[in-house]
Amino acid sequence: MEKIKVLVNFDHPKVKPIAFERNSRTYKISDINLVYHEREGSQTVFYFYVCDNANSYKLRFEPETLEWFLLEN
């Protein structure tokens, strides 16, 4: 699990990632293929399956801390 920076559009109640930065490189998200959430203890964690026209990625968003993580690519 790698912590990343994500540019996001918050359109209550929706969260839409637009791009993310990893190793000083920016990846523009072209599609959001799947979004789901799970409860982990007292917090809800959101997962986004996204792609950038070349690769697919799984992102994790923790709303209590506003932190984003890259789980798979």
N, C-alpha and C. Protein backbone atom coordinates (compact mmCIF):
# COMPACT_ATOMS: atom_id res chain seq x y z
N MET A 1 0.86 -1.17 0.00
CA MET A 1 0.00 0.00 0.00
C MET A 1 0.90 1.23 0.00
N GLU A 2 0.77 2.04 -1.04
CA GLU A 2 1.62 3.22 -1.24
C GLU A 2 0.77 4.48 -1.13
N LYS A 3 1.18 5.40 -0.26
CA LYS A 3 0.46 6.66 -0.10
C LYS A 3 0.69 7.53 -1.34
N ILE A 4 -0.39 8.13 -1.86
CA ILE A 4 -0.29 8.96 -3.05
C ILE A 4 -1.08 10.25 -2.86
N LYS A 5 -0.82 11.22 -3.74
CA LYS A 5 -1.59 12.46 -3.78
C LYS A 5 -2.61 12.32 -4.90
N VAL A 6 -3.86 12.75 -4.62
CA VAL A 6 -4.93 12.61 -5.60
C VAL A 6 -5.65 13.95 -5.76
N LEU A 7 -5.88 14.34 -7.01
CA LEU A 7 -6.72 15.48 -7.33
C LEU A 7 -8.14 14.95 -7.43
N VAL A 8 -9.06 15.56 -6.66
CA VAL A 8 -10.40 15.01 -6.51
C VAL A 8 -11.45 16.10 -6.73
N ASN A 9 -12.57 15.70 -7.31
CA ASN A 9 -13.74 16.56 -7.40
C ASN A 9 -14.75 16.03 -6.37
N PHE A 10 -15.04 16.85 -5.36
CA PHE A 10 -16.05 16.49 -4.36
C PHE A 10 -17.37 17.13 -4.77
N ASP A 11 -18.31 16.30 -5.21
CA ASP A 11 -19.64 16.76 -5.59
C ASP A 11 -20.61 16.00 -4.70
N HIS A 12 -20.84 16.53 -3.51
CA HIS A 12 -21.56 15.84 -2.45
C HIS A 12 -22.78 15.11 -2.99
N PRO A 13 -22.95 13.85 -2.73
CA PRO A 13 -22.11 13.02 -1.87
C PRO A 13 -21.04 12.24 -2.64
N LYS A 14 -20.82 12.55 -3.89
CA LYS A 14 -19.88 11.77 -4.70
C LYS A 14 -18.46 12.30 -4.59
N VAL A 15 -17.52 11.37 -4.66
CA VAL A 15 -16.08 11.66 -4.69
C VAL A 15 -15.57 11.13 -6.02
N LYS A 16 -14.97 12.01 -6.84
CA LYS A 16 -14.52 11.59 -8.16
C LYS A 16 -13.03 11.92 -8.31
N PRO A 17 -12.15 10.91 -8.26
CA PRO A 17 -10.73 11.17 -8.49
C PRO A 17 -10.50 11.55 -9.95
N ILE A 18 -9.68 12.57 -10.17
CA ILE A 18 -9.41 13.09 -11.51
C ILE A 18 -8.01 12.70 -11.98
N ALA A 19 -7.05 12.73 -11.05
CA ALA A 19 -5.66 12.39 -11.37
C ALA A 19 -4.95 12.05 -10.07
N PHE A 20 -3.83 11.34 -10.18
CA PHE A 20 -3.02 11.08 -8.99
C PHE A 20 -1.54 11.18 -9.33
N GLU A 21 -0.74 11.46 -8.31
CA GLU A 21 0.70 11.61 -8.48
C GLU A 21 1.42 10.47 -7.78
N ARG A 22 2.35 9.89 -8.50
CA ARG A 22 3.15 8.78 -7.96
C ARG A 22 4.57 8.92 -8.49
N ASN A 23 5.55 8.93 -7.59
CA ASN A 23 6.95 9.07 -7.97
C ASN A 23 7.18 10.28 -8.89
N SER A 24 6.60 11.41 -8.53
CA SER A 24 6.72 12.67 -9.27
C SER A 24 6.14 12.63 -10.67
N ARG A 25 5.29 11.67 -10.95
CA ARG A 25 4.62 11.57 -12.25
C ARG A 25 3.11 11.65 -12.02
N THR A 26 2.42 12.39 -12.89
CA THR A 26 0.97 12.54 -12.78
C THR A 26 0.27 11.61 -13.75
N TYR A 27 -0.74 10.90 -13.24
CA TYR A 27 -1.54 9.98 -14.02
C TYR A 27 -2.96 10.54 -14.10
N LYS A 28 -3.41 10.88 -15.29
CA LYS A 28 -4.77 11.41 -15.48
C LYS A 28 -5.74 10.24 -15.59
N ILE A 29 -6.76 10.26 -14.76
CA ILE A 29 -7.75 9.18 -14.74
C ILE A 29 -8.76 9.41 -15.86
N SER A 30 -8.87 8.44 -16.74
CA SER A 30 -9.81 8.55 -17.86
C SER A 30 -11.16 7.92 -17.54
N ASP A 31 -11.17 6.86 -16.73
CA ASP A 31 -12.42 6.17 -16.39
C ASP A 31 -12.39 5.67 -14.95
N ILE A 32 -13.56 5.70 -14.34
CA ILE A 32 -13.76 5.06 -13.03
C ILE A 32 -14.63 3.84 -13.32
N ASN A 33 -14.07 2.67 -13.16
CA ASN A 33 -14.75 1.43 -13.53
C ASN A 33 -15.63 0.86 -12.41
N LEU A 34 -15.22 1.07 -11.16
CA LEU A 34 -15.97 0.50 -10.04
C LEU A 34 -15.64 1.30 -8.79
N VAL A 35 -16.66 1.53 -7.97
CA VAL A 35 -16.49 2.17 -6.66
C VAL A 35 -17.28 1.35 -5.65
N TYR A 36 -16.64 1.05 -4.52
CA TYR A 36 -17.36 0.38 -3.44
C TYR A 36 -16.76 0.80 -2.11
N HIS A 37 -17.45 0.51 -1.04
CA HIS A 37 -16.94 0.86 0.29
C HIS A 37 -17.09 -0.33 1.23
N GLU A 38 -16.27 -0.30 2.27
CA GLU A 38 -16.30 -1.34 3.31
C GLU A 38 -16.14 -0.67 4.66
N ARG A 39 -16.70 -1.29 5.66
CA ARG A 39 -16.50 -0.83 7.03
C ARG A 39 -15.26 -1.51 7.59
N GLU A 40 -14.41 -0.71 8.22
CA GLU A 40 -13.24 -1.22 8.94
C GLU A 40 -13.30 -0.64 10.34
N GLY A 41 -13.81 -1.41 11.26
CA GLY A 41 -14.02 -0.88 12.60
C GLY A 41 -15.09 0.19 12.55
N SER A 42 -14.76 1.38 13.02
CA SER A 42 -15.74 2.46 13.05
C SER A 42 -15.69 3.35 11.80
N GLN A 43 -14.74 3.10 10.90
CA GLN A 43 -14.64 3.95 9.72
C GLN A 43 -15.08 3.23 8.44
N THR A 44 -15.50 4.01 7.47
CA THR A 44 -15.84 3.51 6.15
C THR A 44 -14.69 3.86 5.22
N VAL A 45 -14.23 2.89 4.44
CA VAL A 45 -13.13 3.07 3.50
C VAL A 45 -13.68 2.86 2.09
N PHE A 46 -13.27 3.72 1.16
CA PHE A 46 -13.75 3.65 -0.22
C PHE A 46 -12.66 3.13 -1.13
N TYR A 47 -13.06 2.32 -2.12
CA TYR A 47 -12.14 1.76 -3.11
C TYR A 47 -12.60 2.18 -4.50
N PHE A 48 -11.64 2.57 -5.32
CA PHE A 48 -11.91 3.01 -6.68
C PHE A 48 -11.04 2.21 -7.63
N TYR A 49 -11.66 1.57 -8.60
CA TYR A 49 -10.93 0.94 -9.70
C TYR A 49 -10.97 1.92 -10.86
N VAL A 50 -9.78 2.43 -11.24
CA VAL A 50 -9.69 3.48 -12.26
C VAL A 50 -8.70 3.07 -13.34
N CYS A 51 -8.72 3.79 -14.46
CA CYS A 51 -7.72 3.57 -15.50
C CYS A 51 -7.33 4.90 -16.13
N ASP A 52 -6.18 4.88 -16.82
CA ASP A 52 -5.63 6.09 -17.43
C ASP A 52 -5.39 5.92 -18.93
N ASN A 53 -6.21 5.15 -19.60
CA ASN A 53 -6.09 4.81 -21.02
C ASN A 53 -4.99 3.81 -21.32
N ALA A 54 -4.14 3.49 -20.35
CA ALA A 54 -3.07 2.52 -20.57
C ALA A 54 -3.06 1.43 -19.51
N ASN A 55 -3.31 1.81 -18.26
CA ASN A 55 -3.22 0.87 -17.14
C ASN A 55 -4.41 1.03 -16.20
N SER A 56 -4.64 0.00 -15.40
CA SER A 56 -5.69 0.03 -14.39
C SER A 56 -5.06 0.12 -13.00
N TYR A 57 -5.78 0.77 -12.08
CA TYR A 57 -5.28 0.98 -10.73
C TYR A 57 -6.42 0.80 -9.73
N LYS A 58 -6.05 0.37 -8.52
CA LYS A 58 -7.01 0.31 -7.43
C LYS A 58 -6.55 1.32 -6.38
N LEU A 59 -7.43 2.29 -6.09
CA LEU A 59 -7.13 3.33 -5.12
C LEU A 59 -7.99 3.15 -3.88
N ARG A 60 -7.45 3.55 -2.74
CA ARG A 60 -8.15 3.48 -1.47
C ARG A 60 -8.22 4.89 -0.89
N PHE A 61 -9.41 5.28 -0.45
CA PHE A 61 -9.62 6.59 0.16
C PHE A 61 -10.15 6.40 1.58
N GLU A 62 -9.47 7.05 2.53
CA GLU A 62 -9.88 7.01 3.93
C GLU A 62 -10.43 8.39 4.30
N PRO A 63 -11.74 8.56 4.32
CA PRO A 63 -12.33 9.89 4.53
C PRO A 63 -12.05 10.52 5.89
N GLU A 64 -11.80 9.72 6.90
CA GLU A 64 -11.54 10.29 8.23
C GLU A 64 -10.21 11.04 8.26
N THR A 65 -9.22 10.56 7.50
CA THR A 65 -7.90 11.20 7.47
C THR A 65 -7.64 11.92 6.14
N LEU A 66 -8.55 11.74 5.17
CA LEU A 66 -8.43 12.29 3.81
C LEU A 66 -7.17 11.78 3.10
N GLU A 67 -6.76 10.57 3.42
CA GLU A 67 -5.57 9.98 2.80
C GLU A 67 -5.97 9.02 1.68
N TRP A 68 -5.11 8.99 0.64
CA TRP A 68 -5.29 8.11 -0.51
C TRP A 68 -4.11 7.17 -0.61
N PHE A 69 -4.40 5.94 -1.09
CA PHE A 69 -3.35 4.93 -1.25
C PHE A 69 -3.54 4.21 -2.58
N LEU A 70 -2.43 3.85 -3.18
CA LEU A 70 -2.45 2.99 -4.37
C LEU A 70 -2.26 1.56 -3.89
N LEU A 71 -3.22 0.70 -4.21
CA LEU A 71 -3.17 -0.69 -3.78
C LEU A 71 -2.67 -1.62 -4.87
N GLU A 72 -3.12 -1.39 -6.11
CA GLU A 72 -2.75 -2.26 -7.22
C GLU A 72 -2.58 -1.43 -8.47
N ASN A 73 -1.65 -1.90 -9.32
CA ASN A 73 -1.56 -1.32 -10.66
C ASN A 73 -1.07 -2.36 -11.61
